[in-house]
Amino acid sequence: MSDAKQNQKIQKACAAALEKFQKIDLDKYADIQSKLEYVLGSYAFDGNPVGLYDIGAEALKDLKKYKKSKPRLVSKKLIDDLEKAIKSK
């Protein structure tokens, strides 16, 4: 897979994770939300996906924890997409 496609995958997955955290709307996820917003903006500016992979991995951990307590609020597809995008690094 080309770098551009890999970068697009991680960007989409991080954007979806950000959207989910915004819908969850809990203060304990404010930090990861701001980090995701920052790395998405940074990637849009400089095209360097390193931050997306790092913060995407953090977001994945948080989403998995949240899914354990509220399984219906975090889709398996979101988790899978994020995992695949991170692994494609």
PDB file of N, CA and C in Angstrom:
ATOM      1  N   MET A   1       0.853  -1.180   0.000  1.00  0.00           N
ATOM      2  CA  MET A   1       0.000   0.000   0.000  1.00  0.00           C
ATOM      3  C   MET A   1       0.900   1.244   0.000  1.00  0.00           C
ATOM      4  N   SER A   2       0.522   2.233  -0.773  1.00  0.00           N
ATOM      5  CA  SER A   2       1.339   3.439  -0.863  1.00  0.00           C
ATOM      6  C   SER A   2       1.259   4.254   0.425  1.00  0.00           C
ATOM      7  N   ASP A   3       2.279   5.073   0.625  1.00  0.00           N
ATOM      8  CA  ASP A   3       2.305   5.922   1.815  1.00  0.00           C
ATOM      9  C   ASP A   3       1.091   6.843   1.880  1.00  0.00           C
ATOM     10  N   ALA A   4       0.696   7.371   0.729  1.00  0.00           N
ATOM     11  CA  ALA A   4      -0.444   8.292   0.702  1.00  0.00           C
ATOM     12  C   ALA A   4      -1.722   7.592   1.171  1.00  0.00           C
ATOM     13  N   LYS A   5      -1.902   6.341   0.735  1.00  0.00           N
ATOM     14  CA  LYS A   5      -3.101   5.599   1.151  1.00  0.00           C
ATOM     15  C   LYS A   5      -3.046   5.269   2.637  1.00  0.00           C
ATOM     16  N   GLN A   6      -1.871   4.891   3.122  1.00  0.00           N
ATOM     17  CA  GLN A   6      -1.712   4.600   4.547  1.00  0.00           C
ATOM     18  C   GLN A   6      -1.990   5.848   5.368  1.00  0.00           C
ATOM     19  N   ASN A   7      -1.453   6.969   4.921  1.00  0.00           N
ATOM     20  CA  ASN A   7      -1.653   8.227   5.638  1.00  0.00           C
ATOM     21  C   ASN A   7      -3.128   8.619   5.642  1.00  0.00           C
ATOM     22  N   GLN A   8      -3.797   8.374   4.535  1.00  0.00           N
ATOM     23  CA  GLN A   8      -5.214   8.702   4.447  1.00  0.00           C
ATOM     24  C   GLN A   8      -6.024   7.809   5.397  1.00  0.00           C
ATOM     25  N   LYS A   9      -5.635   6.540   5.503  1.00  0.00           N
ATOM     26  CA  LYS A   9      -6.325   5.615   6.406  1.00  0.00           C
ATOM     27  C   LYS A   9      -6.215   6.076   7.860  1.00  0.00           C
ATOM     28  N   ILE A  10      -4.996   6.422   8.290  1.00  0.00           N
ATOM     29  CA  ILE A  10      -4.803   6.840   9.683  1.00  0.00           C
ATOM     30  C   ILE A  10      -5.501   8.176   9.933  1.00  0.00           C
ATOM     31  N   GLN A  11      -5.502   9.047   8.942  1.00  0.00           N
ATOM     32  CA  GLN A  11      -6.181  10.336   9.100  1.00  0.00           C
ATOM     33  C   GLN A  11      -7.686  10.120   9.281  1.00  0.00           C
ATOM     34  N   LYS A  12      -8.279   9.265   8.459  1.00  0.00           N
ATOM     35  CA  LYS A  12      -9.718   8.994   8.567  1.00  0.00           C
ATOM     36  C   LYS A  12     -10.054   8.325   9.899  1.00  0.00           C
ATOM     37  N   ALA A  13      -9.218   7.377  10.305  1.00  0.00           N
ATOM     38  CA  ALA A  13      -9.466   6.666  11.554  1.00  0.00           C
ATOM     39  C   ALA A  13      -9.373   7.610  12.748  1.00  0.00           C
ATOM     40  N   CYS A  14      -8.384   8.494  12.735  1.00  0.00           N
ATOM     41  CA  CYS A  14      -8.241   9.463  13.835  1.00  0.00           C
ATOM     42  C   CYS A  14      -9.398  10.460  13.843  1.00  0.00           C
ATOM     43  N   ALA A  15      -9.840  10.867  12.666  1.00  0.00           N
ATOM     44  CA  ALA A  15     -10.982  11.783  12.584  1.00  0.00           C
ATOM     45  C   ALA A  15     -12.246  11.108  13.129  1.00  0.00           C
ATOM     46  N   ALA A  16     -12.416   9.821  12.822  1.00  0.00           N
ATOM     47  CA  ALA A  16     -13.578   9.082  13.333  1.00  0.00           C
ATOM     48  C   ALA A  16     -13.487   8.924  14.846  1.00  0.00           C
ATOM     49  N   ALA A  17     -12.287   8.683  15.353  1.00  0.00           N
ATOM     50  CA  ALA A  17     -12.096   8.565  16.801  1.00  0.00           C
ATOM     51  C   ALA A  17     -12.424   9.888  17.486  1.00  0.00           C
ATOM     52  N   LEU A  18     -11.958  10.987  16.906  1.00  0.00           N
ATOM     53  CA  LEU A  18     -12.247  12.310  17.456  1.00  0.00           C
ATOM     54  C   LEU A  18     -13.756  12.544  17.504  1.00  0.00           C
ATOM     55  N   GLU A  19     -14.422  12.196  16.430  1.00  0.00           N
ATOM     56  CA  GLU A  19     -15.875  12.366  16.371  1.00  0.00           C
ATOM     57  C   GLU A  19     -16.565  11.557  17.485  1.00  0.00           C
ATOM     58  N   LYS A  20     -16.078  10.342  17.705  1.00  0.00           N
ATOM     59  CA  LYS A  20     -16.666   9.491  18.749  1.00  0.00           C
ATOM     60  C   LYS A  20     -16.440  10.099  20.130  1.00  0.00           C
ATOM     61  N   PHE A  21     -15.222  10.573  20.389  1.00  0.00           N
ATOM     62  CA  PHE A  21     -14.939  11.201  21.684  1.00  0.00           C
ATOM     63  C   PHE A  21     -15.812  12.437  21.888  1.00  0.00           C
ATOM     64  N   GLN A  22     -16.068  13.186  20.819  1.00  0.00           N
ATOM     65  CA  GLN A  22     -16.929  14.365  20.925  1.00  0.00           C
ATOM     66  C   GLN A  22     -18.360  13.953  21.264  1.00  0.00           C
ATOM     67  N   LYS A  23     -18.805  12.841  20.711  1.00  0.00           N
ATOM     68  CA  LYS A  23     -20.160  12.356  21.015  1.00  0.00           C
ATOM     69  C   LYS A  23     -20.243  11.826  22.442  1.00  0.00           C
ATOM     70  N   ILE A  24     -19.178  11.162  22.895  1.00  0.00           N
ATOM     71  CA  ILE A  24     -19.148  10.645  24.269  1.00  0.00           C
ATOM     72  C   ILE A  24     -19.214  11.806  25.249  1.00  0.00           C
ATOM     73  N   ASP A  25     -18.471  12.861  24.958  1.00  0.00           N
ATOM     74  CA  ASP A  25     -18.528  14.117  25.700  1.00  0.00           C
ATOM     75  C   ASP A  25     -18.297  13.968  27.209  1.00  0.00           C
ATOM     76  N   LEU A  26     -17.224  13.292  27.586  1.00  0.00           N
ATOM     77  CA  LEU A  26     -16.840  13.187  28.993  1.00  0.00           C
ATOM     78  C   LEU A  26     -15.546  13.964  29.213  1.00  0.00           C
ATOM     79  N   ASP A  27     -15.450  14.640  30.358  1.00  0.00           N
ATOM     80  CA  ASP A  27     -14.270  15.451  30.651  1.00  0.00           C
ATOM     81  C   ASP A  27     -12.974  14.651  30.634  1.00  0.00           C
ATOM     82  N   LYS A  28     -13.043  13.377  31.026  1.00  0.00           N
ATOM     83  CA  LYS A  28     -11.808  12.595  31.081  1.00  0.00           C
ATOM     84  C   LYS A  28     -11.216  12.345  29.688  1.00  0.00           C
ATOM     85  N   TYR A  29     -11.986  12.577  28.637  1.00  0.00           N
ATOM     86  CA  TYR A  29     -11.481  12.419  27.269  1.00  0.00           C
ATOM     87  C   TYR A  29     -11.143  13.756  26.601  1.00  0.00           C
ATOM     88  N   ALA A  30     -11.193  14.825  27.350  1.00  0.00           N
ATOM     89  CA  ALA A  30     -10.889  16.148  26.783  1.00  0.00           C
ATOM     90  C   ALA A  30      -9.445  16.221  26.290  1.00  0.00           C
ATOM     91  N   ASP A  31      -8.528  15.595  27.031  1.00  0.00           N
ATOM     92  CA  ASP A  31      -7.119  15.635  26.647  1.00  0.00           C
ATOM     93  C   ASP A  31      -6.879  14.916  25.324  1.00  0.00           C
ATOM     94  N   ILE A  32      -7.421  13.720  25.179  1.00  0.00           N
ATOM     95  CA  ILE A  32      -7.216  12.965  23.938  1.00  0.00           C
ATOM     96  C   ILE A  32      -7.919  13.669  22.776  1.00  0.00           C
ATOM     97  N   GLN A  33      -9.050  14.302  23.045  1.00  0.00           N
ATOM     98  CA  GLN A  33      -9.735  15.069  22.003  1.00  0.00           C
ATOM     99  C   GLN A  33      -8.850  16.197  21.502  1.00  0.00           C
ATOM    100  N   SER A  34      -8.266  16.947  22.415  1.00  0.00           N
ATOM    101  CA  SER A  34      -7.438  18.077  21.992  1.00  0.00           C
ATOM    102  C   SER A  34      -6.185  17.590  21.263  1.00  0.00           C
ATOM    103  N   LYS A  35      -5.633  16.456  21.701  1.00  0.00           N
ATOM    104  CA  LYS A  35      -4.465  15.894  21.006  1.00  0.00           C
ATOM    105  C   LYS A  35      -4.829  15.468  19.587  1.00  0.00           C
ATOM    106  N   LEU A  36      -5.986  14.821  19.443  1.00  0.00           N
ATOM    107  CA  LEU A  36      -6.422  14.405  18.110  1.00  0.00           C
ATOM    108  C   LEU A  36      -6.658  15.613  17.207  1.00  0.00           C
ATOM    109  N   GLU A  37      -7.309  16.635  17.746  1.00  0.00           N
ATOM    110  CA  GLU A  37      -7.542  17.851  16.962  1.00  0.00           C
ATOM    111  C   GLU A  37      -6.214  18.454  16.506  1.00  0.00           C
ATOM    112  N   TYR A  38      -5.248  18.480  17.420  1.00  0.00           N
ATOM    113  CA  TYR A  38      -3.947  19.058  17.106  1.00  0.00           C
ATOM    114  C   TYR A  38      -3.226  18.265  16.013  1.00  0.00           C
ATOM    115  N   VAL A  39      -3.155  16.926  16.157  1.00  0.00           N
ATOM    116  CA  VAL A  39      -2.404  16.146  15.170  1.00  0.00           C
ATOM    117  C   VAL A  39      -3.111  16.114  13.813  1.00  0.00           C
ATOM    118  N   LEU A  40      -4.432  16.161  13.817  1.00  0.00           N
ATOM    119  CA  LEU A  40      -5.146  16.235  12.539  1.00  0.00           C
ATOM    120  C   LEU A  40      -4.851  17.561  11.836  1.00  0.00           C
ATOM    121  N   GLY A  41      -4.842  18.645  12.601  1.00  0.00           N
ATOM    122  CA  GLY A  41      -4.507  19.951  12.029  1.00  0.00           C
ATOM    123  C   GLY A  41      -3.060  20.009  11.576  1.00  0.00           C
ATOM    124  N   SER A  42      -2.185  19.446  12.381  1.00  0.00           N
ATOM    125  CA  SER A  42      -0.766  19.410  12.052  1.00  0.00           C
ATOM    126  C   SER A  42      -0.531  18.613  10.771  1.00  0.00           C
ATOM    127  N   TYR A  43      -1.191  17.471  10.650  1.00  0.00           N
ATOM    128  CA  TYR A  43      -1.049  16.649   9.453  1.00  0.00           C
ATOM    129  C   TYR A  43      -1.560  17.393   8.226  1.00  0.00           C
ATOM    130  N   ALA A  44      -2.671  18.086   8.367  1.00  0.00           N
ATOM    131  CA  ALA A  44      -3.221  18.852   7.252  1.00  0.00           C
ATOM    132  C   ALA A  44      -2.233  19.930   6.804  1.00  0.00           C
ATOM    133  N   PHE A  45      -1.485  20.469   7.758  1.00  0.00           N
ATOM    134  CA  PHE A  45      -0.528  21.544   7.447  1.00  0.00           C
ATOM    135  C   PHE A  45       0.762  21.004   6.846  1.00  0.00           C
ATOM    136  N   ASP A  46       1.366  19.987   7.482  1.00  0.00           N
ATOM    137  CA  ASP A  46       2.701  19.559   7.042  1.00  0.00           C
ATOM    138  C   ASP A  46       2.756  18.181   6.370  1.00  0.00           C
ATOM    139  N   GLY A  47       1.666  17.421   6.408  1.00  0.00           N
ATOM    140  CA  GLY A  47       1.644  16.122   5.747  1.00  0.00           C
ATOM    141  C   GLY A  47       2.448  15.037   6.441  1.00  0.00           C
ATOM    142  N   ASN A  48       2.902  15.304   7.668  1.00  0.00           N
ATOM    143  CA  ASN A  48       3.688  14.323   8.417  1.00  0.00           C
ATOM    144  C   ASN A  48       2.744  13.548   9.347  1.00  0.00           C
ATOM    145  N   PRO A  49       2.587  12.234   9.119  1.00  0.00           N
ATOM    146  CA  PRO A  49       1.596  11.465   9.867  1.00  0.00           C
ATOM    147  C   PRO A  49       2.077  10.886  11.203  1.00  0.00           C
ATOM    148  N   VAL A  50       3.289  11.163  11.634  1.00  0.00           N
ATOM    149  CA  VAL A  50       3.844  10.547  12.842  1.00  0.00           C
ATOM    150  C   VAL A  50       2.937  10.771  14.051  1.00  0.00           C
ATOM    151  N   GLY A  51       2.471  11.965  14.248  1.00  0.00           N
ATOM    152  CA  GLY A  51       1.594  12.273  15.380  1.00  0.00           C
ATOM    153  C   GLY A  51       0.277  11.520  15.315  1.00  0.00           C
ATOM    154  N   LEU A  52      -0.235  11.307  14.100  1.00  0.00           N
ATOM    155  CA  LEU A  52      -1.482  10.563  13.946  1.00  0.00           C
ATOM    156  C   LEU A  52      -1.334   9.136  14.464  1.00  0.00           C
ATOM    157  N   TYR A  53      -0.200   8.521  14.165  1.00  0.00           N
ATOM    158  CA  TYR A  53       0.026   7.151  14.627  1.00  0.00           C
ATOM    159  C   TYR A  53       0.177   7.103  16.150  1.00  0.00           C
ATOM    160  N   ASP A  54       0.935   8.045  16.702  1.00  0.00           N
ATOM    161  CA  ASP A  54       1.157   8.054  18.153  1.00  0.00           C
ATOM    162  C   ASP A  54      -0.126   8.317  18.929  1.00  0.00           C
ATOM    163  N   ILE A  55      -0.825   9.367  18.561  1.00  0.00           N
ATOM    164  CA  ILE A  55      -2.046   9.736  19.283  1.00  0.00           C
ATOM    165  C   ILE A  55      -3.183   8.782  18.915  1.00  0.00           C
ATOM    166  N   GLY A  56      -3.162   8.252  17.711  1.00  0.00           N
ATOM    167  CA  GLY A  56      -4.147   7.248  17.317  1.00  0.00           C
ATOM    168  C   GLY A  56      -4.064   6.019  18.205  1.00  0.00           C
ATOM    169  N   ALA A  57      -2.837   5.624  18.567  1.00  0.00           N
ATOM    170  CA  ALA A  57      -2.644   4.473  19.461  1.00  0.00           C
ATOM    171  C   ALA A  57      -3.209   4.770  20.851  1.00  0.00           C
ATOM    172  N   GLU A  58      -3.001   5.999  21.327  1.00  0.00           N
ATOM    173  CA  GLU A  58      -3.568   6.399  22.626  1.00  0.00           C
ATOM    174  C   GLU A  58      -5.099   6.367  22.565  1.00  0.00           C
ATOM    175  N   ALA A  59      -5.638   6.899  21.480  1.00  0.00           N
ATOM    176  CA  ALA A  59      -7.098   6.938  21.315  1.00  0.00           C
ATOM    177  C   ALA A  59      -7.664   5.526  21.276  1.00  0.00           C
ATOM    178  N   LEU A  60      -6.953   4.623  20.625  1.00  0.00           N
ATOM    179  CA  LEU A  60      -7.399   3.240  20.542  1.00  0.00           C
ATOM    180  C   LEU A  60      -7.514   2.618  21.934  1.00  0.00           C
ATOM    181  N   LYS A  61      -6.526   2.834  22.773  1.00  0.00           N
ATOM    182  CA  LYS A  61      -6.564   2.309  24.145  1.00  0.00           C
ATOM    183  C   LYS A  61      -7.783   2.850  24.899  1.00  0.00           C
ATOM    184  N   ASP A  62      -7.986   4.160  24.790  1.00  0.00           N
ATOM    185  CA  ASP A  62      -9.111   4.782  25.496  1.00  0.00           C
ATOM    186  C   ASP A  62     -10.456   4.262  24.977  1.00  0.00           C
ATOM    187  N   LEU A  63     -10.563   4.112  23.662  1.00  0.00           N
ATOM    188  CA  LEU A  63     -11.816   3.623  23.092  1.00  0.00           C
ATOM    189  C   LEU A  63     -12.091   2.180  23.511  1.00  0.00           C
ATOM    190  N   LYS A  64     -11.055   1.370  23.562  1.00  0.00           N
ATOM    191  CA  LYS A  64     -11.234  -0.024  23.997  1.00  0.00           C
ATOM    192  C   LYS A  64     -11.695  -0.090  25.452  1.00  0.00           C
ATOM    193  N   LYS A  65     -11.111   0.749  26.306  1.00  0.00           N
ATOM    194  CA  LYS A  65     -11.533   0.789  27.712  1.00  0.00           C
ATOM    195  C   LYS A  65     -12.994   1.207  27.819  1.00  0.00           C
ATOM    196  N   TYR A  66     -13.356   2.251  27.079  1.00  0.00           N
ATOM    197  CA  TYR A  66     -14.723   2.747  27.123  1.00  0.00           C
ATOM    198  C   TYR A  66     -15.698   1.696  26.594  1.00  0.00           C
ATOM    199  N   LYS A  67     -15.295   0.981  25.541  1.00  0.00           N
ATOM    200  CA  LYS A  67     -16.147  -0.046  24.943  1.00  0.00           C
ATOM    201  C   LYS A  67     -16.450  -1.165  25.943  1.00  0.00           C
ATOM    202  N   LYS A  68     -15.513  -1.455  26.846  1.00  0.00           N
ATOM    203  CA  LYS A  68     -15.756  -2.499  27.848  1.00  0.00           C
ATOM    204  C   LYS A  68     -16.923  -2.138  28.763  1.00  0.00           C
ATOM    205  N   SER A  69     -17.023  -0.853  29.102  1.00  0.00           N
ATOM    206  CA  SER A  69     -18.101  -0.442  29.992  1.00  0.00           C
ATOM    207  C   SER A  69     -19.394  -0.108  29.241  1.00  0.00           C
ATOM    208  N   LYS A  70     -19.269   0.348  28.011  1.00  0.00           N
ATOM    209  CA  LYS A  70     -20.446   0.721  27.209  1.00  0.00           C
ATOM    210  C   LYS A  70     -20.269   0.161  25.794  1.00  0.00           C
ATOM    211  N   PRO A  71     -20.433  -1.153  25.632  1.00  0.00           N
ATOM    212  CA  PRO A  71     -20.118  -1.799  24.354  1.00  0.00           C
ATOM    213  C   PRO A  71     -20.907  -1.294  23.146  1.00  0.00           C
ATOM    214  N   ARG A  72     -22.101  -0.823  23.363  1.00  0.00           N
ATOM    215  CA  ARG A  72     -22.921  -0.395  22.223  1.00  0.00           C
ATOM    216  C   ARG A  72     -22.568   1.002  21.707  1.00  0.00           C
ATOM    217  N   LEU A  73     -21.783   1.744  22.467  1.00  0.00           N
ATOM    218  CA  LEU A  73     -21.482   3.124  22.070  1.00  0.00           C
ATOM    219  C   LEU A  73     -20.225   3.267  21.217  1.00  0.00           C
ATOM    220  N   VAL A  74     -19.419   2.218  21.146  1.00  0.00           N
ATOM    221  CA  VAL A  74     -18.215   2.269  20.310  1.00  0.00           C
ATOM    222  C   VAL A  74     -18.286   1.078  19.355  1.00  0.00           C
ATOM    223  N   SER A  75     -18.311   1.372  18.067  1.00  0.00           N
ATOM    224  CA  SER A  75     -18.471   0.293  17.093  1.00  0.00           C
ATOM    225  C   SER A  75     -17.191  -0.512  16.919  1.00  0.00           C
ATOM    226  N   LYS A  76     -17.387  -1.771  16.603  1.00  0.00           N
ATOM    227  CA  LYS A  76     -16.265  -2.657  16.324  1.00  0.00           C
ATOM    228  C   LYS A  76     -15.507  -2.138  15.093  1.00  0.00           C
ATOM    229  N   LYS A  77     -16.232  -1.592  14.137  1.00  0.00           N
ATOM    230  CA  LYS A  77     -15.608  -1.070  12.916  1.00  0.00           C
ATOM    231  C   LYS A  77     -14.632   0.057  13.240  1.00  0.00           C
ATOM    232  N   LEU A  78     -15.013   0.941  14.134  1.00  0.00           N
ATOM    233  CA  LEU A  78     -14.133   2.041  14.521  1.00  0.00           C
ATOM    234  C   LEU A  78     -12.840   1.498  15.129  1.00  0.00           C
ATOM    235  N   ILE A  79     -12.967   0.553  16.041  1.00  0.00           N
ATOM    236  CA  ILE A  79     -11.795  -0.059  16.677  1.00  0.00           C
ATOM    237  C   ILE A  79     -10.935  -0.762  15.619  1.00  0.00           C
ATOM    238  N   ASP A  80     -11.587  -1.553  14.755  1.00  0.00           N
ATOM    239  CA  ASP A  80     -10.860  -2.295  13.716  1.00  0.00           C
ATOM    240  C   ASP A  80     -10.137  -1.360  12.752  1.00  0.00           C
ATOM    241  N   ASP A  81     -10.821  -0.300  12.317  1.00  0.00           N
ATOM    242  CA  ASP A  81     -10.213   0.648  11.381  1.00  0.00           C
ATOM    243  C   ASP A  81      -8.987   1.322  11.995  1.00  0.00           C
ATOM    244  N   LEU A  82      -9.120   1.697  13.249  1.00  0.00           N
ATOM    245  CA  LEU A  82      -8.001   2.345  13.937  1.00  0.00           C
ATOM    246  C   LEU A  82      -6.834   1.371  14.102  1.00  0.00           C
ATOM    247  N   GLU A  83      -7.140   0.139  14.492  1.00  0.00           N
ATOM    248  CA  GLU A  83      -6.082  -0.871  14.648  1.00  0.00           C
ATOM    249  C   GLU A  83      -5.357  -1.142  13.329  1.00  0.00           C
ATOM    250  N   LYS A  84      -6.126  -1.305  12.238  1.00  0.00           N
ATOM    251  CA  LYS A  84      -5.531  -1.579  10.928  1.00  0.00           C
ATOM    252  C   LYS A  84      -4.664  -0.413  10.477  1.00  0.00           C
ATOM    253  N   ALA A  85      -5.148   0.792  10.677  1.00  0.00           N
ATOM    254  CA  ALA A  85      -4.399   1.972  10.251  1.00  0.00           C
ATOM    255  C   ALA A  85      -3.083   2.089  11.013  1.00  0.00           C
ATOM    256  N   ILE A  86      -3.111   1.799  12.307  1.00  0.00           N
ATOM    257  CA  ILE A  86      -1.902   1.879  13.120  1.00  0.00           C
ATOM    258  C   ILE A  86      -0.923   0.787  12.718  1.00  0.00           C
ATOM    259  N   LYS A  87      -1.427  -0.406  12.466  1.00  0.00           N
ATOM    260  CA  LYS A  87      -0.565  -1.524  12.072  1.00  0.00           C
ATOM    261  C   LYS A  87       0.065  -1.322  10.689  1.00  0.00           C
ATOM    262  N   SER A  88      -0.579  -0.547   9.841  1.00  0.00           N
ATOM    263  CA  SER A  88      -0.056  -0.338   8.482  1.00  0.00           C
ATOM    264  C   SER A  88       1.138   0.614   8.447  1.00  0.00           C
ATOM    265  N   LYS A  89       1.496   1.134   9.565  1.00  0.00           N
ATOM    266  CA  LYS A  89       2.594   2.116   9.679  1.00  0.00           C
ATOM    267  C   LYS A  89       3.866   1.634   9.056  1.00  0.00           C
TER     268      LYS A  89
END
